[in-house]
N, C-alpha and C. Protein backbone atom coordinates (compact mmCIF):
# COMPACT_ATOMS: atom_id res chain seq x y z
N MET A 1 -54.08 1.95 -56.22
CA MET A 1 -55.33 2.21 -56.92
C MET A 1 -55.30 1.72 -58.36
N LEU A 2 -54.20 1.15 -58.78
CA LEU A 2 -54.14 0.52 -60.11
C LEU A 2 -54.88 -0.81 -60.10
N ASN A 3 -55.06 -1.39 -58.91
CA ASN A 3 -55.69 -2.69 -58.82
C ASN A 3 -57.23 -2.55 -58.89
N PRO A 4 -57.85 -3.26 -59.83
CA PRO A 4 -59.31 -3.10 -59.97
C PRO A 4 -60.09 -3.68 -58.79
N ASN A 5 -59.42 -4.43 -57.90
CA ASN A 5 -60.08 -5.04 -56.74
C ASN A 5 -59.93 -4.24 -55.46
N ILE A 6 -59.53 -3.00 -55.59
CA ILE A 6 -59.17 -2.23 -54.37
C ILE A 6 -60.32 -2.09 -53.42
N ILE A 7 -61.58 -1.97 -53.92
CA ILE A 7 -62.72 -1.85 -53.00
C ILE A 7 -62.84 -3.15 -52.21
N SER A 8 -62.60 -4.29 -52.81
CA SER A 8 -62.63 -5.56 -52.06
C SER A 8 -61.56 -5.59 -50.99
N PHE A 9 -60.40 -4.99 -51.28
CA PHE A 9 -59.33 -4.91 -50.29
C PHE A 9 -59.81 -4.17 -49.03
N PHE A 10 -60.50 -3.04 -49.27
CA PHE A 10 -61.06 -2.28 -48.14
C PHE A 10 -62.00 -3.16 -47.32
N GLU A 11 -62.90 -3.82 -47.99
CA GLU A 11 -63.92 -4.61 -47.32
C GLU A 11 -63.31 -5.79 -46.54
N LEU A 12 -62.39 -6.49 -47.18
CA LEU A 12 -61.75 -7.65 -46.53
C LEU A 12 -60.88 -7.23 -45.34
N SER A 13 -60.18 -6.09 -45.51
CA SER A 13 -59.32 -5.61 -44.42
C SER A 13 -60.17 -5.23 -43.20
N ARG A 14 -61.29 -4.55 -43.43
CA ARG A 14 -62.12 -4.13 -42.30
C ARG A 14 -62.85 -5.34 -41.70
N ARG A 15 -63.14 -6.32 -42.53
CA ARG A 15 -63.76 -7.54 -41.99
C ARG A 15 -62.80 -8.28 -41.07
N ALA A 16 -61.52 -8.25 -41.44
CA ALA A 16 -60.50 -8.90 -40.62
C ALA A 16 -60.21 -8.14 -39.36
N PHE A 17 -60.40 -6.77 -39.39
CA PHE A 17 -60.15 -5.91 -38.22
C PHE A 17 -61.39 -5.04 -38.02
N PRO A 18 -62.45 -5.62 -37.49
CA PRO A 18 -63.71 -4.87 -37.35
C PRO A 18 -63.69 -3.74 -36.30
N ASP A 19 -62.74 -3.81 -35.38
CA ASP A 19 -62.64 -2.75 -34.37
C ASP A 19 -62.35 -1.43 -35.04
N PRO A 20 -63.24 -0.43 -34.91
CA PRO A 20 -63.03 0.83 -35.58
C PRO A 20 -61.80 1.60 -35.14
N SER A 21 -61.27 1.25 -33.96
CA SER A 21 -60.05 1.91 -33.48
C SER A 21 -58.81 1.44 -34.22
N VAL A 22 -58.94 0.32 -34.94
CA VAL A 22 -57.79 -0.18 -35.78
C VAL A 22 -57.75 0.65 -37.05
N ARG A 23 -56.62 1.35 -37.24
CA ARG A 23 -56.50 2.24 -38.39
C ARG A 23 -56.06 1.46 -39.61
N ILE A 24 -56.82 1.50 -40.67
CA ILE A 24 -56.45 0.91 -41.95
C ILE A 24 -56.18 2.06 -42.92
N VAL A 25 -54.99 2.08 -43.47
CA VAL A 25 -54.53 3.25 -44.21
C VAL A 25 -54.22 2.87 -45.69
N LEU A 26 -54.75 3.65 -46.58
CA LEU A 26 -54.37 3.55 -48.00
C LEU A 26 -53.32 4.64 -48.26
N ILE A 27 -52.05 4.18 -48.44
CA ILE A 27 -50.95 5.11 -48.75
C ILE A 27 -50.81 5.16 -50.25
N THR A 28 -50.82 6.37 -50.80
CA THR A 28 -50.84 6.52 -52.26
C THR A 28 -50.05 7.76 -52.66
N ASN A 29 -49.57 7.77 -53.92
CA ASN A 29 -48.94 9.00 -54.44
C ASN A 29 -49.99 10.01 -54.88
N GLY A 30 -51.25 9.61 -54.91
CA GLY A 30 -52.35 10.52 -55.20
C GLY A 30 -52.63 10.77 -56.65
N LEU A 31 -51.84 10.19 -57.55
CA LEU A 31 -52.00 10.47 -58.97
C LEU A 31 -53.38 10.06 -59.52
N LEU A 32 -53.95 9.04 -58.95
CA LEU A 32 -55.24 8.53 -59.48
C LEU A 32 -56.46 8.94 -58.67
N LEU A 33 -56.27 9.77 -57.66
CA LEU A 33 -57.42 10.16 -56.84
C LEU A 33 -58.51 10.85 -57.66
N LEU A 34 -58.14 11.69 -58.60
CA LEU A 34 -59.13 12.41 -59.38
C LEU A 34 -59.89 11.51 -60.34
N LYS A 35 -59.42 10.28 -60.55
CA LYS A 35 -60.07 9.35 -61.45
C LYS A 35 -61.05 8.41 -60.72
N GLN A 36 -61.03 8.46 -59.38
CA GLN A 36 -61.90 7.58 -58.60
C GLN A 36 -63.34 8.13 -58.64
N LYS A 37 -64.27 7.16 -58.62
CA LYS A 37 -65.69 7.50 -58.67
C LYS A 37 -66.36 7.29 -57.32
N ALA A 38 -67.65 7.56 -57.28
CA ALA A 38 -68.42 7.48 -56.03
C ALA A 38 -68.29 6.13 -55.30
N PRO A 39 -68.33 4.98 -55.98
CA PRO A 39 -68.22 3.70 -55.26
C PRO A 39 -66.94 3.56 -54.49
N PHE A 40 -65.85 4.12 -55.03
CA PHE A 40 -64.55 4.05 -54.33
C PHE A 40 -64.64 4.80 -52.98
N PHE A 41 -65.14 6.02 -53.04
CA PHE A 41 -65.20 6.84 -51.82
C PHE A 41 -66.24 6.34 -50.85
N LYS A 42 -67.28 5.75 -51.36
CA LYS A 42 -68.27 5.15 -50.47
C LYS A 42 -67.66 3.99 -49.70
N ALA A 43 -66.83 3.19 -50.37
CA ALA A 43 -66.16 2.07 -49.72
C ALA A 43 -65.14 2.57 -48.69
N VAL A 44 -64.49 3.69 -48.97
CA VAL A 44 -63.58 4.31 -48.02
C VAL A 44 -64.34 4.70 -46.72
N LEU A 45 -65.48 5.34 -46.88
CA LEU A 45 -66.26 5.76 -45.72
C LEU A 45 -66.88 4.56 -45.02
N ASP A 46 -67.45 3.63 -45.76
CA ASP A 46 -68.15 2.48 -45.16
C ASP A 46 -67.17 1.62 -44.34
N ASN A 47 -65.93 1.57 -44.75
CA ASN A 47 -64.95 0.71 -44.07
C ASN A 47 -63.96 1.46 -43.21
N ASN A 48 -64.22 2.78 -43.03
CA ASN A 48 -63.38 3.61 -42.16
C ASN A 48 -61.91 3.51 -42.58
N ILE A 49 -61.64 3.80 -43.84
CA ILE A 49 -60.29 3.77 -44.41
C ILE A 49 -59.70 5.18 -44.40
N THR A 50 -58.45 5.31 -43.93
CA THR A 50 -57.75 6.56 -43.98
C THR A 50 -57.03 6.66 -45.34
N VAL A 51 -57.33 7.69 -46.11
CA VAL A 51 -56.64 7.91 -47.39
C VAL A 51 -55.48 8.86 -47.15
N SER A 52 -54.26 8.34 -47.29
CA SER A 52 -53.07 9.08 -46.88
C SER A 52 -52.09 9.22 -48.05
N PRO A 53 -52.25 10.29 -48.86
CA PRO A 53 -51.31 10.48 -49.95
C PRO A 53 -50.02 11.10 -49.52
N THR A 54 -48.93 10.75 -50.22
CA THR A 54 -47.68 11.43 -50.05
C THR A 54 -47.74 12.76 -50.81
N LYS A 55 -47.41 13.84 -50.17
CA LYS A 55 -47.62 15.16 -50.75
C LYS A 55 -46.43 15.55 -51.64
N TYR A 56 -46.45 15.01 -52.84
CA TYR A 56 -45.41 15.35 -53.81
C TYR A 56 -45.61 16.75 -54.37
N PRO A 57 -44.52 17.45 -54.67
CA PRO A 57 -44.65 18.79 -55.28
C PRO A 57 -45.22 18.65 -56.68
N ASP A 58 -45.56 19.79 -57.27
CA ASP A 58 -46.00 19.86 -58.66
C ASP A 58 -47.31 19.14 -58.91
N MET A 59 -48.13 19.01 -57.85
CA MET A 59 -49.49 18.45 -58.03
C MET A 59 -50.46 19.47 -57.42
N ASP A 60 -51.64 19.53 -58.03
CA ASP A 60 -52.66 20.50 -57.60
C ASP A 60 -53.43 19.89 -56.43
N TRP A 61 -52.87 20.01 -55.23
CA TRP A 61 -53.49 19.36 -54.06
C TRP A 61 -54.78 20.03 -53.68
N ASN A 62 -54.93 21.33 -53.96
CA ASN A 62 -56.19 21.99 -53.66
C ASN A 62 -57.32 21.38 -54.46
N LYS A 63 -57.05 21.13 -55.77
CA LYS A 63 -58.04 20.52 -56.64
C LYS A 63 -58.37 19.10 -56.16
N ILE A 64 -57.35 18.37 -55.80
CA ILE A 64 -57.54 16.98 -55.35
C ILE A 64 -58.34 16.94 -54.05
N GLU A 65 -58.00 17.84 -53.11
CA GLU A 65 -58.70 17.90 -51.84
C GLU A 65 -60.19 18.22 -52.06
N GLN A 66 -60.46 19.23 -52.90
CA GLN A 66 -61.85 19.62 -53.16
C GLN A 66 -62.63 18.46 -53.76
N TYR A 67 -62.00 17.73 -54.67
CA TYR A 67 -62.71 16.62 -55.31
C TYR A 67 -63.00 15.53 -54.29
N VAL A 68 -61.99 15.16 -53.51
CA VAL A 68 -62.17 14.10 -52.52
C VAL A 68 -63.20 14.47 -51.49
N GLU A 69 -63.12 15.73 -51.03
CA GLU A 69 -64.06 16.19 -49.97
C GLU A 69 -65.50 16.28 -50.49
N SER A 70 -65.70 16.38 -51.80
CA SER A 70 -67.04 16.39 -52.33
C SER A 70 -67.76 15.07 -52.10
N PHE A 71 -66.97 14.02 -51.81
CA PHE A 71 -67.53 12.71 -51.48
C PHE A 71 -67.52 12.45 -49.96
N GLY A 72 -67.15 13.48 -49.17
CA GLY A 72 -67.16 13.35 -47.74
C GLY A 72 -65.91 12.78 -47.14
N VAL A 73 -64.83 12.68 -47.95
CA VAL A 73 -63.58 12.10 -47.48
C VAL A 73 -62.55 13.19 -47.28
N THR A 74 -61.79 13.11 -46.17
CA THR A 74 -60.73 14.07 -45.88
C THR A 74 -59.39 13.37 -46.00
N LEU A 75 -58.44 13.98 -46.74
CA LEU A 75 -57.11 13.39 -46.87
C LEU A 75 -56.28 13.62 -45.62
N LYS A 76 -55.48 12.65 -45.28
CA LYS A 76 -54.51 12.80 -44.19
C LYS A 76 -53.13 12.50 -44.77
N TYR A 77 -52.36 13.54 -45.00
CA TYR A 77 -51.10 13.39 -45.73
C TYR A 77 -50.09 12.53 -45.00
N PHE A 78 -49.38 11.73 -45.74
CA PHE A 78 -48.45 10.77 -45.18
C PHE A 78 -47.05 11.36 -45.05
N THR A 79 -46.41 11.11 -43.88
CA THR A 79 -45.00 11.31 -43.69
C THR A 79 -44.47 10.15 -42.90
N ASP A 80 -43.19 9.78 -43.11
CA ASP A 80 -42.59 8.69 -42.36
C ASP A 80 -42.72 8.90 -40.86
N THR A 81 -42.38 10.13 -40.42
CA THR A 81 -42.37 10.39 -38.99
C THR A 81 -43.76 10.28 -38.39
N ASP A 82 -44.72 10.86 -39.08
CA ASP A 82 -46.11 10.80 -38.56
C ASP A 82 -46.65 9.38 -38.53
N PHE A 83 -46.31 8.64 -39.61
CA PHE A 83 -46.85 7.29 -39.71
C PHE A 83 -46.29 6.42 -38.59
N ARG A 84 -45.00 6.55 -38.30
CA ARG A 84 -44.41 5.69 -37.26
C ARG A 84 -44.89 6.06 -35.86
N SER A 85 -45.29 7.32 -35.69
CA SER A 85 -45.77 7.76 -34.38
C SER A 85 -47.26 7.51 -34.20
N GLY A 86 -47.90 7.06 -35.28
CA GLY A 86 -49.34 6.78 -35.19
C GLY A 86 -50.23 7.96 -35.47
N SER A 87 -49.66 9.06 -35.89
CA SER A 87 -50.44 10.25 -36.19
C SER A 87 -50.37 10.55 -37.69
N VAL A 88 -51.11 11.56 -38.13
CA VAL A 88 -51.10 11.95 -39.50
C VAL A 88 -51.01 13.47 -39.58
N SER A 89 -50.71 13.99 -40.78
CA SER A 89 -50.48 15.41 -40.94
C SER A 89 -51.18 15.93 -42.18
N ASN A 90 -51.43 17.23 -42.20
CA ASN A 90 -52.04 17.84 -43.40
C ASN A 90 -51.11 18.86 -44.00
N LYS A 91 -49.83 18.89 -43.71
CA LYS A 91 -48.98 19.96 -44.17
C LYS A 91 -47.63 19.48 -44.75
N ASN A 92 -47.15 18.30 -44.40
CA ASN A 92 -45.79 17.91 -44.76
C ASN A 92 -45.66 17.49 -46.21
N GLU A 93 -44.71 18.10 -46.91
CA GLU A 93 -44.46 17.75 -48.29
C GLU A 93 -43.31 16.73 -48.35
N ARG A 94 -43.32 15.99 -49.43
CA ARG A 94 -42.33 14.95 -49.65
C ARG A 94 -40.92 15.58 -49.77
N VAL A 95 -39.94 14.92 -49.13
CA VAL A 95 -38.55 15.30 -49.26
C VAL A 95 -37.80 14.11 -49.81
N SER A 96 -36.60 14.38 -50.33
CA SER A 96 -35.76 13.28 -50.86
C SER A 96 -34.90 12.70 -49.74
N GLY A 97 -34.71 11.41 -49.84
CA GLY A 97 -33.84 10.70 -48.91
C GLY A 97 -32.93 9.75 -49.68
N LYS A 98 -32.14 8.98 -48.95
CA LYS A 98 -31.24 8.04 -49.62
C LYS A 98 -31.13 6.79 -48.78
N TYR A 99 -31.32 5.63 -49.47
CA TYR A 99 -31.24 4.32 -48.84
C TYR A 99 -30.14 3.55 -49.59
N PRO A 100 -28.87 3.76 -49.27
CA PRO A 100 -27.79 3.19 -50.07
C PRO A 100 -27.65 1.69 -49.89
N LEU A 101 -27.04 1.09 -50.91
CA LEU A 101 -26.77 -0.38 -50.93
C LEU A 101 -25.29 -0.65 -50.98
N HIS A 102 -24.86 -1.77 -50.42
CA HIS A 102 -23.51 -2.30 -50.57
C HIS A 102 -23.57 -3.31 -51.71
N LEU A 103 -23.06 -2.94 -52.87
CA LEU A 103 -23.17 -3.82 -54.03
C LEU A 103 -22.41 -5.14 -53.86
N ASP A 104 -21.36 -5.12 -52.99
CA ASP A 104 -20.59 -6.34 -52.79
C ASP A 104 -21.11 -7.15 -51.62
N GLY A 105 -22.15 -6.67 -50.97
CA GLY A 105 -22.72 -7.40 -49.84
C GLY A 105 -21.87 -7.36 -48.57
N LYS A 106 -20.89 -6.48 -48.56
CA LYS A 106 -20.01 -6.42 -47.37
C LYS A 106 -20.40 -5.23 -46.50
N CYS A 107 -21.56 -5.36 -45.93
CA CYS A 107 -22.07 -4.32 -45.05
C CYS A 107 -21.24 -4.26 -43.74
N SER A 108 -21.03 -3.09 -43.19
CA SER A 108 -20.30 -2.96 -41.96
C SER A 108 -21.03 -3.53 -40.76
N LEU A 109 -22.34 -3.68 -40.90
CA LEU A 109 -23.18 -4.25 -39.87
C LEU A 109 -23.48 -5.69 -40.17
N THR A 110 -23.73 -6.46 -39.14
CA THR A 110 -24.20 -7.84 -39.38
C THR A 110 -25.63 -7.79 -39.91
N PRO A 111 -26.07 -8.86 -40.58
CA PRO A 111 -27.46 -8.87 -41.04
C PRO A 111 -28.45 -8.62 -39.90
N PHE A 112 -28.15 -9.17 -38.71
CA PHE A 112 -29.05 -8.94 -37.58
C PHE A 112 -29.09 -7.47 -37.18
N ASP A 113 -27.90 -6.80 -37.12
CA ASP A 113 -27.88 -5.40 -36.76
C ASP A 113 -28.55 -4.55 -37.83
N SER A 114 -28.33 -4.88 -39.10
CA SER A 114 -28.98 -4.14 -40.18
C SER A 114 -30.49 -4.25 -40.04
N TYR A 115 -30.95 -5.47 -39.79
CA TYR A 115 -32.40 -5.69 -39.67
C TYR A 115 -32.93 -4.96 -38.44
N SER A 116 -32.23 -5.01 -37.33
CA SER A 116 -32.71 -4.41 -36.09
C SER A 116 -32.82 -2.88 -36.19
N ARG A 117 -31.94 -2.30 -37.01
CA ARG A 117 -31.92 -0.82 -37.15
C ARG A 117 -32.72 -0.34 -38.35
N CYS A 118 -33.35 -1.25 -39.06
CA CYS A 118 -34.03 -0.93 -40.30
C CYS A 118 -35.46 -0.47 -40.03
N GLY A 119 -35.84 0.67 -40.57
CA GLY A 119 -37.19 1.17 -40.38
C GLY A 119 -38.18 0.65 -41.38
N VAL A 120 -37.71 -0.02 -42.43
CA VAL A 120 -38.66 -0.53 -43.45
C VAL A 120 -38.78 -2.06 -43.36
N SER A 121 -38.08 -2.66 -42.43
CA SER A 121 -38.25 -4.09 -42.22
C SER A 121 -38.97 -4.26 -40.88
N ASN A 122 -38.65 -5.27 -40.13
CA ASN A 122 -39.32 -5.50 -38.83
C ASN A 122 -40.82 -5.61 -38.98
N GLY A 123 -41.28 -6.05 -40.16
CA GLY A 123 -42.71 -6.21 -40.36
C GLY A 123 -43.43 -4.89 -40.64
N ALA A 124 -42.70 -3.79 -40.74
CA ALA A 124 -43.34 -2.49 -40.90
C ALA A 124 -43.79 -2.24 -42.33
N CYS A 125 -43.06 -2.74 -43.30
CA CYS A 125 -43.32 -2.41 -44.72
C CYS A 125 -43.30 -3.65 -45.59
N GLY A 126 -43.98 -4.71 -45.19
CA GLY A 126 -44.03 -5.89 -46.01
C GLY A 126 -44.69 -5.62 -47.35
N VAL A 127 -44.22 -6.33 -48.38
CA VAL A 127 -44.75 -6.15 -49.72
C VAL A 127 -45.15 -7.46 -50.30
N MET A 128 -46.34 -7.51 -50.87
CA MET A 128 -46.82 -8.71 -51.56
C MET A 128 -46.60 -8.57 -53.06
N ARG A 129 -46.00 -9.58 -53.66
CA ARG A 129 -45.76 -9.53 -55.10
C ARG A 129 -45.75 -10.93 -55.67
N ASN A 130 -46.67 -11.20 -56.60
CA ASN A 130 -46.74 -12.49 -57.26
C ASN A 130 -46.82 -13.67 -56.31
N GLY A 131 -47.64 -13.51 -55.25
CA GLY A 131 -47.84 -14.58 -54.31
C GLY A 131 -46.70 -14.75 -53.31
N ARG A 132 -45.79 -13.78 -53.28
CA ARG A 132 -44.69 -13.85 -52.33
C ARG A 132 -44.77 -12.64 -51.39
N LEU A 133 -44.55 -12.89 -50.09
CA LEU A 133 -44.49 -11.83 -49.10
C LEU A 133 -43.02 -11.50 -48.81
N TYR A 134 -42.64 -10.26 -49.15
CA TYR A 134 -41.30 -9.80 -48.90
C TYR A 134 -41.29 -8.92 -47.67
N PRO A 135 -40.21 -8.96 -46.88
CA PRO A 135 -40.18 -8.16 -45.65
C PRO A 135 -40.10 -6.65 -45.89
N CYS A 136 -39.67 -6.26 -47.12
CA CYS A 136 -39.60 -4.83 -47.41
C CYS A 136 -39.64 -4.60 -48.91
N GLY A 137 -39.89 -3.37 -49.30
CA GLY A 137 -40.01 -3.03 -50.69
C GLY A 137 -38.69 -3.06 -51.45
N ILE A 138 -37.61 -2.92 -50.71
CA ILE A 138 -36.29 -2.94 -51.39
C ILE A 138 -36.04 -4.31 -51.98
N ILE A 139 -36.28 -5.33 -51.21
CA ILE A 139 -36.10 -6.71 -51.73
C ILE A 139 -37.11 -7.02 -52.83
N ALA A 140 -38.34 -6.61 -52.63
CA ALA A 140 -39.40 -6.89 -53.60
C ALA A 140 -39.12 -6.21 -54.95
N GLY A 141 -38.47 -5.06 -54.92
CA GLY A 141 -38.23 -4.32 -56.13
C GLY A 141 -36.82 -4.28 -56.67
N ILE A 142 -35.92 -5.05 -56.03
CA ILE A 142 -34.51 -4.99 -56.41
C ILE A 142 -34.29 -5.46 -57.85
N HIS A 143 -35.20 -6.26 -58.41
CA HIS A 143 -35.06 -6.70 -59.79
C HIS A 143 -35.04 -5.52 -60.75
N HIS A 144 -35.76 -4.44 -60.41
CA HIS A 144 -35.72 -3.26 -61.29
C HIS A 144 -34.34 -2.61 -61.28
N PHE A 145 -33.75 -2.55 -60.08
CA PHE A 145 -32.40 -2.01 -59.91
C PHE A 145 -31.42 -2.87 -60.67
N ASN A 146 -31.50 -4.17 -60.50
CA ASN A 146 -30.57 -5.07 -61.19
C ASN A 146 -30.67 -4.93 -62.71
N ASN A 147 -31.87 -4.87 -63.21
CA ASN A 147 -32.05 -4.77 -64.67
C ASN A 147 -31.55 -3.44 -65.24
N TYR A 148 -31.82 -2.35 -64.52
CA TYR A 148 -31.46 -1.04 -65.04
C TYR A 148 -29.98 -0.79 -64.97
N PHE A 149 -29.36 -1.21 -63.88
CA PHE A 149 -27.93 -0.93 -63.69
C PHE A 149 -27.05 -2.11 -63.94
N ASN A 150 -27.59 -3.16 -64.54
CA ASN A 150 -26.84 -4.38 -64.87
C ASN A 150 -26.11 -4.94 -63.65
N GLN A 151 -26.82 -5.06 -62.56
CA GLN A 151 -26.30 -5.65 -61.33
C GLN A 151 -26.93 -7.01 -61.06
N ASN A 152 -26.45 -7.67 -60.03
CA ASN A 152 -26.96 -8.99 -59.73
C ASN A 152 -27.06 -9.19 -58.22
N LEU A 153 -27.74 -8.32 -57.55
CA LEU A 153 -27.95 -8.51 -56.13
C LEU A 153 -29.03 -9.59 -55.97
N PRO A 154 -28.66 -10.72 -55.41
CA PRO A 154 -29.55 -11.88 -55.43
C PRO A 154 -30.64 -11.86 -54.37
N VAL A 155 -31.81 -12.34 -54.75
CA VAL A 155 -32.90 -12.58 -53.81
C VAL A 155 -33.09 -14.10 -53.72
N THR A 156 -32.84 -14.63 -52.52
CA THR A 156 -32.94 -16.08 -52.30
C THR A 156 -34.32 -16.48 -51.82
N SER A 157 -34.55 -17.75 -51.76
CA SER A 157 -35.83 -18.26 -51.28
C SER A 157 -36.04 -17.96 -49.80
N HIS A 158 -34.98 -17.55 -49.11
CA HIS A 158 -35.09 -17.18 -47.70
C HIS A 158 -35.44 -15.67 -47.50
N ASP A 159 -35.55 -14.95 -48.62
CA ASP A 159 -35.83 -13.53 -48.55
C ASP A 159 -37.30 -13.22 -48.74
N TYR A 160 -38.14 -14.24 -48.84
CA TYR A 160 -39.57 -14.06 -49.00
C TYR A 160 -40.31 -15.30 -48.56
N MET A 161 -41.61 -15.16 -48.40
CA MET A 161 -42.46 -16.31 -48.06
C MET A 161 -43.43 -16.57 -49.21
N ASP A 162 -43.61 -17.80 -49.59
CA ASP A 162 -44.65 -18.19 -50.53
C ASP A 162 -45.96 -18.25 -49.74
N ILE A 163 -46.89 -17.35 -49.99
CA ILE A 163 -48.10 -17.28 -49.15
C ILE A 163 -48.97 -18.50 -49.31
N TYR A 164 -48.78 -19.26 -50.39
CA TYR A 164 -49.57 -20.46 -50.61
C TYR A 164 -49.03 -21.67 -49.83
N LYS A 165 -47.88 -21.47 -49.20
CA LYS A 165 -47.29 -22.54 -48.39
C LYS A 165 -47.28 -22.22 -46.91
N VAL A 166 -47.88 -21.10 -46.53
CA VAL A 166 -47.91 -20.70 -45.15
C VAL A 166 -48.99 -21.47 -44.40
N ALA A 167 -48.63 -22.00 -43.25
CA ALA A 167 -49.59 -22.80 -42.47
C ALA A 167 -50.51 -21.93 -41.65
N ASN A 168 -49.96 -20.85 -41.04
CA ASN A 168 -50.78 -20.02 -40.16
C ASN A 168 -50.13 -18.66 -39.96
N CYS A 169 -50.83 -17.79 -39.21
CA CYS A 169 -50.31 -16.43 -38.97
C CYS A 169 -49.03 -16.45 -38.16
N LYS A 170 -48.91 -17.38 -37.24
CA LYS A 170 -47.71 -17.49 -36.39
C LYS A 170 -46.45 -17.67 -37.25
N GLU A 171 -46.60 -18.42 -38.31
CA GLU A 171 -45.43 -18.65 -39.18
C GLU A 171 -45.00 -17.35 -39.86
N ILE A 172 -45.99 -16.53 -40.25
CA ILE A 172 -45.63 -15.23 -40.87
C ILE A 172 -44.95 -14.31 -39.87
N LEU A 173 -45.48 -14.26 -38.66
CA LEU A 173 -44.93 -13.38 -37.62
C LEU A 173 -43.50 -13.79 -37.27
N GLU A 174 -43.24 -15.09 -37.20
CA GLU A 174 -41.90 -15.57 -36.92
C GLU A 174 -40.95 -15.24 -38.05
N TYR A 175 -41.43 -15.29 -39.28
CA TYR A 175 -40.60 -15.02 -40.43
C TYR A 175 -40.17 -13.54 -40.44
N ILE A 176 -41.11 -12.61 -40.25
CA ILE A 176 -40.78 -11.19 -40.33
C ILE A 176 -40.04 -10.69 -39.12
N ALA A 177 -39.91 -11.49 -38.10
CA ALA A 177 -39.22 -11.06 -36.86
C ALA A 177 -37.75 -11.45 -36.85
N LYS A 178 -37.17 -11.72 -38.00
CA LYS A 178 -35.75 -12.08 -38.05
C LYS A 178 -35.14 -11.53 -39.35
N PRO A 179 -33.79 -11.37 -39.36
CA PRO A 179 -33.14 -10.83 -40.53
C PRO A 179 -33.18 -11.82 -41.70
N HIS A 180 -32.86 -11.30 -42.88
CA HIS A 180 -32.91 -12.10 -44.08
C HIS A 180 -31.58 -11.98 -44.82
N PRO A 181 -31.21 -12.93 -45.66
CA PRO A 181 -29.92 -12.88 -46.33
C PRO A 181 -29.64 -11.57 -47.07
N PHE A 182 -30.69 -10.98 -47.65
CA PHE A 182 -30.49 -9.76 -48.42
C PHE A 182 -30.07 -8.58 -47.57
N CYS A 183 -30.32 -8.65 -46.24
CA CYS A 183 -30.00 -7.55 -45.34
C CYS A 183 -28.54 -7.14 -45.45
N LYS A 184 -27.65 -8.01 -45.86
CA LYS A 184 -26.23 -7.70 -45.93
C LYS A 184 -25.91 -6.68 -47.05
N TYR A 185 -26.89 -6.46 -47.95
CA TYR A 185 -26.68 -5.49 -49.02
C TYR A 185 -27.14 -4.06 -48.64
N CYS A 186 -27.87 -3.93 -47.56
CA CYS A 186 -28.41 -2.61 -47.21
C CYS A 186 -27.48 -1.90 -46.25
N ASP A 187 -27.08 -0.69 -46.62
CA ASP A 187 -26.23 0.16 -45.78
C ASP A 187 -27.13 0.95 -44.86
N VAL A 188 -27.69 0.29 -43.86
CA VAL A 188 -28.64 0.92 -42.95
C VAL A 188 -27.99 2.07 -42.20
N ALA A 189 -26.72 1.92 -41.84
CA ALA A 189 -26.00 2.96 -41.09
C ALA A 189 -25.82 4.21 -41.92
N GLY A 190 -25.82 4.08 -43.25
CA GLY A 190 -25.58 5.22 -44.11
C GLY A 190 -26.80 5.88 -44.66
N ARG A 191 -27.97 5.47 -44.18
CA ARG A 191 -29.23 6.02 -44.68
C ARG A 191 -29.41 7.46 -44.23
N VAL A 192 -29.98 8.26 -45.12
CA VAL A 192 -30.28 9.67 -44.83
C VAL A 192 -31.78 9.87 -45.02
N ALA A 193 -32.46 10.20 -43.99
CA ALA A 193 -33.95 10.32 -44.05
C ALA A 193 -34.35 11.49 -44.91
N SER A 194 -33.58 12.58 -44.87
CA SER A 194 -33.96 13.77 -45.64
C SER A 194 -32.71 14.43 -46.21
N LEU A 195 -32.72 14.61 -47.54
CA LEU A 195 -31.68 15.35 -48.22
C LEU A 195 -32.13 16.79 -48.53
N GLY A 196 -33.26 17.13 -47.94
CA GLY A 196 -33.81 18.49 -48.21
C GLY A 196 -34.93 18.42 -49.21
N GLU A 197 -35.02 19.45 -50.03
CA GLU A 197 -36.14 19.57 -50.99
C GLU A 197 -36.23 18.39 -51.90
N TYR A 198 -37.46 17.96 -52.19
CA TYR A 198 -37.70 16.83 -53.08
C TYR A 198 -37.19 17.13 -54.48
N ARG A 199 -36.51 16.17 -55.07
CA ARG A 199 -36.03 16.33 -56.44
C ARG A 199 -36.13 15.01 -57.18
N LYS A 200 -36.26 15.10 -58.48
CA LYS A 200 -36.41 13.90 -59.28
C LYS A 200 -35.09 13.18 -59.45
N THR A 201 -35.14 11.90 -59.68
CA THR A 201 -33.95 11.10 -59.86
C THR A 201 -33.17 11.49 -61.12
N THR A 202 -31.87 11.35 -61.09
CA THR A 202 -31.02 11.51 -62.26
C THR A 202 -30.75 10.15 -62.89
N ARG A 203 -31.26 9.09 -62.27
CA ARG A 203 -31.09 7.73 -62.77
C ARG A 203 -29.62 7.31 -62.81
N ASP A 204 -28.87 7.83 -61.85
CA ASP A 204 -27.46 7.43 -61.71
C ASP A 204 -27.31 6.48 -60.54
N ILE A 205 -26.46 5.49 -60.67
CA ILE A 205 -26.30 4.48 -59.65
C ILE A 205 -25.80 5.07 -58.31
N SER A 206 -25.16 6.25 -58.40
CA SER A 206 -24.67 6.89 -57.19
C SER A 206 -25.78 7.23 -56.21
N GLU A 207 -26.98 7.34 -56.72
CA GLU A 207 -28.11 7.63 -55.82
C GLU A 207 -28.46 6.42 -54.93
N TRP A 208 -27.93 5.25 -55.28
CA TRP A 208 -28.26 4.04 -54.58
C TRP A 208 -27.02 3.41 -53.89
N THR A 209 -25.89 4.06 -53.96
CA THR A 209 -24.67 3.49 -53.39
C THR A 209 -23.98 4.46 -52.47
């Protein structure tokens, strides 16, 4: 919702997938929902968009729900489990998890095995950034990790697609259906989906290794 063109995203997405049974979901942390005006919610309704916030603690969700519902929109809270099963929930709160990295790139799994067992790759969580399509948010955002912790986990030209050089949809599908060089840094076998109650980061590298 930081993007001023978000209403256009709704319209273009529904134009590309006009079948109303195709679910188009806006996943958000919900921080900006109270700042949205009538045109935003009208576009949500007109284009059959599901607004799915992650239910973080310490937010007044009753106030947010009442505001959103005043425009005729009902929130469907996001959880990883519900999203992957194709359903949504109104009760699940955010919990903390861990997605560790192998800083030396010596993962116990092969890149193919890491990719095959990864829930955020396989085309499930592609991220667009600066004209590049990344197979997952970890690769797209690793520069923040590198800068903060003075690391150098490399992203190669084989870890993303330049969208301006893509010939057709088939090329994209073939790209996201295979592992990428960066996969060797992800400790997929060591991932923990839930560490229990949600807690804020301590900004220590141990949270990522």
